[in-house]
PDB file of N, CA and C in Angstrom:
ATOM      1  N   MET A   1       9.770  32.115  -8.810  1.00  0.00           N
ATOM      2  CA  MET A   1       9.490  32.762 -10.069  1.00  0.00           C
ATOM      3  C   MET A   1       8.537  31.911 -10.901  1.00  0.00           C
ATOM      4  N   LEU A   2       8.787  30.611 -10.963  1.00  0.00           N
ATOM      5  CA  LEU A   2       7.922  29.742 -11.755  1.00  0.00           C
ATOM      6  C   LEU A   2       6.494  29.769 -11.229  1.00  0.00           C
ATOM      7  N   GLN A   3       6.339  29.781  -9.917  1.00  0.00           N
ATOM      8  CA  GLN A   3       4.998  29.816  -9.335  1.00  0.00           C
ATOM      9  C   GLN A   3       4.312  31.132  -9.674  1.00  0.00           C
ATOM     10  N   ALA A   4       5.048  32.229  -9.678  1.00  0.00           N
ATOM     11  CA  ALA A   4       4.471  33.531 -10.019  1.00  0.00           C
ATOM     12  C   ALA A   4       3.989  33.549 -11.472  1.00  0.00           C
ATOM     13  N   ILE A   5       4.777  33.007 -12.391  1.00  0.00           N
ATOM     14  CA  ILE A   5       4.376  32.940 -13.800  1.00  0.00           C
ATOM     15  C   ILE A   5       3.134  32.071 -13.942  1.00  0.00           C
ATOM     16  N   PHE A   6       3.138  30.940 -13.278  1.00  0.00           N
ATOM     17  CA  PHE A   6       1.993  30.030 -13.318  1.00  0.00           C
ATOM     18  C   PHE A   6       0.744  30.736 -12.803  1.00  0.00           C
ATOM     19  N   ASP A   7       0.851  31.440 -11.679  1.00  0.00           N
ATOM     20  CA  ASP A   7      -0.290  32.140 -11.083  1.00  0.00           C
ATOM     21  C   ASP A   7      -0.840  33.217 -12.014  1.00  0.00           C
ATOM     22  N   VAL A   8       0.046  33.979 -12.647  1.00  0.00           N
ATOM     23  CA  VAL A   8      -0.398  35.029 -13.574  1.00  0.00           C
ATOM     24  C   VAL A   8      -1.156  34.416 -14.743  1.00  0.00           C
ATOM     25  N   LEU A   9      -0.623  33.336 -15.300  1.00  0.00           N
ATOM     26  CA  LEU A   9      -1.287  32.690 -16.432  1.00  0.00           C
ATOM     27  C   LEU A   9      -2.639  32.124 -16.025  1.00  0.00           C
ATOM     28  N   GLU A  10      -2.743  31.583 -14.834  1.00  0.00           N
ATOM     29  CA  GLU A  10      -4.008  31.052 -14.353  1.00  0.00           C
ATOM     30  C   GLU A  10      -5.022  32.164 -14.105  1.00  0.00           C
ATOM     31  N   MET A  11      -4.588  33.287 -13.532  1.00  0.00           N
ATOM     32  CA  MET A  11      -5.494  34.400 -13.247  1.00  0.00           C
ATOM     33  C   MET A  11      -6.037  35.010 -14.537  1.00  0.00           C
ATOM     34  N   ARG A  12      -5.263  34.966 -15.604  1.00  0.00           N
ATOM     35  CA  ARG A  12      -5.659  35.580 -16.869  1.00  0.00           C
ATOM     36  C   ARG A  12      -6.451  34.625 -17.758  1.00  0.00           C
ATOM     37  N   LYS A  13      -6.755  33.440 -17.288  1.00  0.00           N
ATOM     38  CA  LYS A  13      -7.466  32.452 -18.099  1.00  0.00           C
ATOM     39  C   LYS A  13      -8.745  33.077 -18.676  1.00  0.00           C
ATOM     40  N   GLY A  14      -8.920  32.974 -19.982  1.00  0.00           N
ATOM     41  CA  GLY A  14     -10.083  33.534 -20.644  1.00  0.00           C
ATOM     42  C   GLY A  14      -9.930  34.987 -21.046  1.00  0.00           C
ATOM     43  N   ARG A  15      -8.799  35.575 -20.723  1.00  0.00           N
ATOM     44  CA  ARG A  15      -8.531  36.967 -21.080  1.00  0.00           C
ATOM     45  C   ARG A  15      -7.297  37.011 -21.976  1.00  0.00           C
ATOM     46  N   PRO A  16      -7.193  38.049 -22.789  1.00  0.00           N
ATOM     47  CA  PRO A  16      -6.001  38.155 -23.641  1.00  0.00           C
ATOM     48  C   PRO A  16      -4.724  38.333 -22.811  1.00  0.00           C
ATOM     49  N   VAL A  17      -3.691  37.635 -23.213  1.00  0.00           N
ATOM     50  CA  VAL A  17      -2.381  37.760 -22.574  1.00  0.00           C
ATOM     51  C   VAL A  17      -1.344  37.856 -23.693  1.00  0.00           C
ATOM     52  N   VAL A  18      -0.474  38.826 -23.601  1.00  0.00           N
ATOM     53  CA  VAL A  18       0.611  38.952 -24.575  1.00  0.00           C
ATOM     54  C   VAL A  18       1.916  38.697 -23.844  1.00  0.00           C
ATOM     55  N   ILE A  19       2.660  37.724 -24.336  1.00  0.00           N
ATOM     56  CA  ILE A  19       3.938  37.370 -23.728  1.00  0.00           C
ATOM     57  C   ILE A  19       5.000  37.499 -24.815  1.00  0.00           C
ATOM     58  N   VAL A  20       6.054  38.222 -24.510  1.00  0.00           N
ATOM     59  CA  VAL A  20       7.133  38.445 -25.464  1.00  0.00           C
ATOM     60  C   VAL A  20       8.388  37.786 -24.909  1.00  0.00           C
ATOM     61  N   SER A  21       9.097  37.060 -25.775  1.00  0.00           N
ATOM     62  CA  SER A  21      10.298  36.356 -25.332  1.00  0.00           C
ATOM     63  C   SER A  21      11.322  36.322 -26.458  1.00  0.00           C
ATOM     64  N   ASN A  22      12.557  36.175 -26.096  1.00  0.00           N
ATOM     65  CA  ASN A  22      13.617  35.968 -27.085  1.00  0.00           C
ATOM     66  C   ASN A  22      13.782  34.489 -27.421  1.00  0.00           C
ATOM     67  N   HIS A  23      12.955  33.643 -26.823  1.00  0.00           N
ATOM     68  CA  HIS A  23      13.069  32.193 -27.017  1.00  0.00           C
ATOM     69  C   HIS A  23      11.845  31.654 -27.737  1.00  0.00           C
ATOM     70  N   ASP A  24      12.041  30.606 -28.553  1.00  0.00           N
ATOM     71  CA  ASP A  24      10.906  29.923 -29.160  1.00  0.00           C
ATOM     72  C   ASP A  24      10.345  28.912 -28.155  1.00  0.00           C
ATOM     73  N   LEU A  25       9.242  28.258 -28.516  1.00  0.00           N
ATOM     74  CA  LEU A  25       8.597  27.330 -27.578  1.00  0.00           C
ATOM     75  C   LEU A  25       9.504  26.153 -27.198  1.00  0.00           C
ATOM     76  N   ARG A  26      10.346  25.725 -28.141  1.00  0.00           N
ATOM     77  CA  ARG A  26      11.267  24.622 -27.832  1.00  0.00           C
ATOM     78  C   ARG A  26      12.211  25.024 -26.702  1.00  0.00           C
ATOM     79  N   LYS A  27      12.782  26.218 -26.828  1.00  0.00           N
ATOM     80  CA  LYS A  27      13.708  26.696 -25.800  1.00  0.00           C
ATOM     81  C   LYS A  27      12.976  26.948 -24.482  1.00  0.00           C
ATOM     82  N   LEU A  28      11.763  27.502 -24.571  1.00  0.00           N
ATOM     83  CA  LEU A  28      10.984  27.728 -23.352  1.00  0.00           C
ATOM     84  C   LEU A  28      10.710  26.418 -22.620  1.00  0.00           C
ATOM     85  N   SER A  29      10.519  25.324 -23.377  1.00  0.00           N
ATOM     86  CA  SER A  29      10.274  24.031 -22.736  1.00  0.00           C
ATOM     87  C   SER A  29      11.517  23.508 -22.019  1.00  0.00           C
ATOM     88  N   GLU A  30      12.688  24.016 -22.390  1.00  0.00           N
ATOM     89  CA  GLU A  30      13.916  23.659 -21.682  1.00  0.00           C
ATOM     90  C   GLU A  30      14.083  24.495 -20.407  1.00  0.00           C
ATOM     91  N   ILE A  31      13.468  25.665 -20.396  1.00  0.00           N
ATOM     92  CA  ILE A  31      13.598  26.583 -19.266  1.00  0.00           C
ATOM     93  C   ILE A  31      12.518  26.342 -18.217  1.00  0.00           C
ATOM     94  N   TYR A  32      11.262  26.189 -18.671  1.00  0.00           N
ATOM     95  CA  TYR A  32      10.116  26.074 -17.768  1.00  0.00           C
ATOM     96  C   TYR A  32       9.548  24.669 -17.780  1.00  0.00           C
ATOM     97  N   ASP A  33       8.756  24.350 -16.753  1.00  0.00           N
ATOM     98  CA  ASP A  33       8.148  23.018 -16.728  1.00  0.00           C
ATOM     99  C   ASP A  33       6.965  22.954 -17.694  1.00  0.00           C
ATOM    100  N   GLU A  34       6.480  21.741 -17.926  1.00  0.00           N
ATOM    101  CA  GLU A  34       5.471  21.529 -18.965  1.00  0.00           C
ATOM    102  C   GLU A  34       4.145  22.230 -18.683  1.00  0.00           C
ATOM    103  N   ARG A  35       3.816  22.467 -17.422  1.00  0.00           N
ATOM    104  CA  ARG A  35       2.564  23.172 -17.099  1.00  0.00           C
ATOM    105  C   ARG A  35       2.605  24.603 -17.625  1.00  0.00           C
ATOM    106  N   ILE A  36       3.735  25.257 -17.441  1.00  0.00           N
ATOM    107  CA  ILE A  36       3.860  26.641 -17.882  1.00  0.00           C
ATOM    108  C   ILE A  36       3.928  26.713 -19.401  1.00  0.00           C
ATOM    109  N   VAL A  37       4.700  25.848 -20.023  1.00  0.00           N
ATOM    110  CA  VAL A  37       4.826  25.852 -21.484  1.00  0.00           C
ATOM    111  C   VAL A  37       3.479  25.550 -22.132  1.00  0.00           C
ATOM    112  N   SER A  38       2.703  24.666 -21.525  1.00  0.00           N
ATOM    113  CA  SER A  38       1.372  24.361 -22.038  1.00  0.00           C
ATOM    114  C   SER A  38       0.503  25.605 -22.049  1.00  0.00           C
ATOM    115  N   ARG A  39       0.562  26.375 -20.999  1.00  0.00           N
ATOM    116  CA  ARG A  39      -0.232  27.602 -20.925  1.00  0.00           C
ATOM    117  C   ARG A  39       0.313  28.677 -21.862  1.00  0.00           C
ATOM    118  N   LEU A  40       1.631  28.760 -21.988  1.00  0.00           N
ATOM    119  CA  LEU A  40       2.232  29.744 -22.893  1.00  0.00           C
ATOM    120  C   LEU A  40       1.885  29.444 -24.351  1.00  0.00           C
ATOM    121  N   SER A  41       1.725  28.181 -24.687  1.00  0.00           N
ATOM    122  CA  SER A  41       1.486  27.797 -26.078  1.00  0.00           C
ATOM    123  C   SER A  41       0.006  27.687 -26.418  1.00  0.00           C
ATOM    124  N   ALA A  42      -0.882  27.902 -25.450  1.00  0.00           N
ATOM    125  CA  ALA A  42      -2.323  27.850 -25.724  1.00  0.00           C
ATOM    126  C   ALA A  42      -2.734  29.088 -26.502  1.00  0.00           C
ATOM    127  N   GLY A  43      -3.710  28.957 -27.357  1.00  0.00           N
ATOM    128  CA  GLY A  43      -4.180  30.111 -28.120  1.00  0.00           C
ATOM    129  C   GLY A  43      -3.320  30.347 -29.345  1.00  0.00           C
ATOM    130  N   THR A  44      -3.221  31.582 -29.726  1.00  0.00           N
ATOM    131  CA  THR A  44      -2.471  31.958 -30.922  1.00  0.00           C
ATOM    132  C   THR A  44      -1.028  32.273 -30.554  1.00  0.00           C
ATOM    133  N   VAL A  45      -0.108  31.613 -31.234  1.00  0.00           N
ATOM    134  CA  VAL A  45       1.315  31.871 -31.026  1.00  0.00           C
ATOM    135  C   VAL A  45       1.843  32.500 -32.304  1.00  0.00           C
ATOM    136  N   LEU A  46       2.388  33.686 -32.184  1.00  0.00           N
ATOM    137  CA  LEU A  46       2.962  34.394 -33.325  1.00  0.00           C
ATOM    138  C   LEU A  46       4.468  34.422 -33.136  1.00  0.00           C
ATOM    139  N   GLU A  47       5.169  33.771 -34.038  1.00  0.00           N
ATOM    140  CA  GLU A  47       6.631  33.739 -33.965  1.00  0.00           C
ATOM    141  C   GLU A  47       7.193  34.669 -35.029  1.00  0.00           C
ATOM    142  N   ILE A  48       7.988  35.613 -34.610  1.00  0.00           N
ATOM    143  CA  ILE A  48       8.590  36.584 -35.515  1.00  0.00           C
ATOM    144  C   ILE A  48      10.091  36.330 -35.532  1.00  0.00           C
ATOM    145  N   ARG A  49      10.626  36.185 -36.720  1.00  0.00           N
ATOM    146  CA  ARG A  49      12.058  35.927 -36.856  1.00  0.00           C
ATOM    147  C   ARG A  49      12.712  37.044 -37.649  1.00  0.00           C
ATOM    148  N   GLY A  50      13.963  37.231 -37.419  1.00  0.00           N
ATOM    149  CA  GLY A  50      14.710  38.228 -38.165  1.00  0.00           C
ATOM    150  C   GLY A  50      15.965  38.588 -37.400  1.00  0.00           C
ATOM    151  N   GLN A  51      16.748  39.452 -38.004  1.00  0.00           N
ATOM    152  CA  GLN A  51      17.964  39.878 -37.338  1.00  0.00           C
ATOM    153  C   GLN A  51      17.631  40.820 -36.191  1.00  0.00           C
ATOM    154  N   ASP A  52      18.505  40.868 -35.246  1.00  0.00           N
ATOM    155  CA  ASP A  52      18.345  41.733 -34.084  1.00  0.00           C
ATOM    156  C   ASP A  52      18.528  43.186 -34.517  1.00  0.00           C
ATOM    157  N   ARG A  53      17.462  43.971 -34.421  1.00  0.00           N
ATOM    158  CA  ARG A  53      17.523  45.376 -34.830  1.00  0.00           C
ATOM    159  C   ARG A  53      18.360  46.208 -33.877  1.00  0.00           C
ATOM    160  N   ARG A  54      18.599  45.710 -32.697  1.00  0.00           N
ATOM    161  CA  ARG A  54      19.377  46.461 -31.714  1.00  0.00           C
ATOM    162  C   ARG A  54      20.853  46.502 -32.058  1.00  0.00           C
ATOM    163  N   ARG A  55      21.276  45.735 -33.001  1.00  0.00           N
ATOM    164  CA  ARG A  55      22.687  45.727 -33.385  1.00  0.00           C
ATOM    165  C   ARG A  55      23.016  46.833 -34.370  1.00  0.00           C
ATOM    166  N   ASN A  56      22.071  47.739 -34.613  1.00  0.00           N
ATOM    167  CA  ASN A  56      22.263  48.879 -35.504  1.00  0.00           C
ATOM    168  C   ASN A  56      22.702  48.461 -36.912  1.00  0.00           C
ATOM    169  N   THR A  57      22.110  47.400 -37.427  1.00  0.00           N
ATOM    170  CA  THR A  57      22.456  46.962 -38.768  1.00  0.00           C
ATOM    171  C   THR A  57      21.732  47.764 -39.832  1.00  0.00           C
ATOM    172  N   GLY A  58      20.692  48.484 -39.431  1.00  0.00           N
ATOM    173  CA  GLY A  58      19.921  49.277 -40.380  1.00  0.00           C
ATOM    174  C   GLY A  58      18.922  48.455 -41.177  1.00  0.00           C
ATOM    175  N   ARG A  59      18.860  47.160 -40.953  1.00  0.00           N
ATOM    176  CA  ARG A  59      17.900  46.305 -41.677  1.00  0.00           C
ATOM    177  C   ARG A  59      16.610  46.242 -40.882  1.00  0.00           C
ATOM    178  N   LYS A  60      15.508  46.116 -41.604  1.00  0.00           N
ATOM    179  CA  LYS A  60      14.211  45.998 -40.952  1.00  0.00           C
ATOM    180  C   LYS A  60      13.921  44.543 -40.640  1.00  0.00           C
ATOM    181  N   MET A  61      13.197  44.311 -39.552  1.00  0.00           N
ATOM    182  CA  MET A  61      12.823  42.949 -39.186  1.00  0.00           C
ATOM    183  C   MET A  61      11.661  42.495 -40.046  1.00  0.00           C
ATOM    184  N   ARG A  62      11.721  41.274 -40.532  1.00  0.00           N
ATOM    185  CA  ARG A  62      10.666  40.707 -41.357  1.00  0.00           C
ATOM    186  C   ARG A  62       9.913  39.653 -40.567  1.00  0.00           C
ATOM    187  N   ILE A  63       8.630  39.520 -40.828  1.00  0.00           N
ATOM    188  CA  ILE A  63       7.830  38.438 -40.258  1.00  0.00           C
ATOM    189  C   ILE A  63       7.740  37.366 -41.329  1.00  0.00           C
ATOM    190  N   GLU A  64       8.224  36.178 -41.000  1.00  0.00           N
ATOM    191  CA  GLU A  64       8.220  35.073 -41.965  1.00  0.00           C
ATOM    192  C   GLU A  64       7.123  34.101 -41.664  1.00  0.00           C
TER     193      GLU A  64
END
């Protein structure tokens, strides 16, 4: 799996890539090796925080 992620990131070099995760970069660095985290953190990183809308709380997610 790690090799597949690495290969996809390498093939997309110079092209837009959107990656969505439930983890921040710190947590991703605990899951993946530094080569992958380096590629995931290159470019613009947009971190969106808020409550989980899937819990049917009726609150809207805010970007902080």
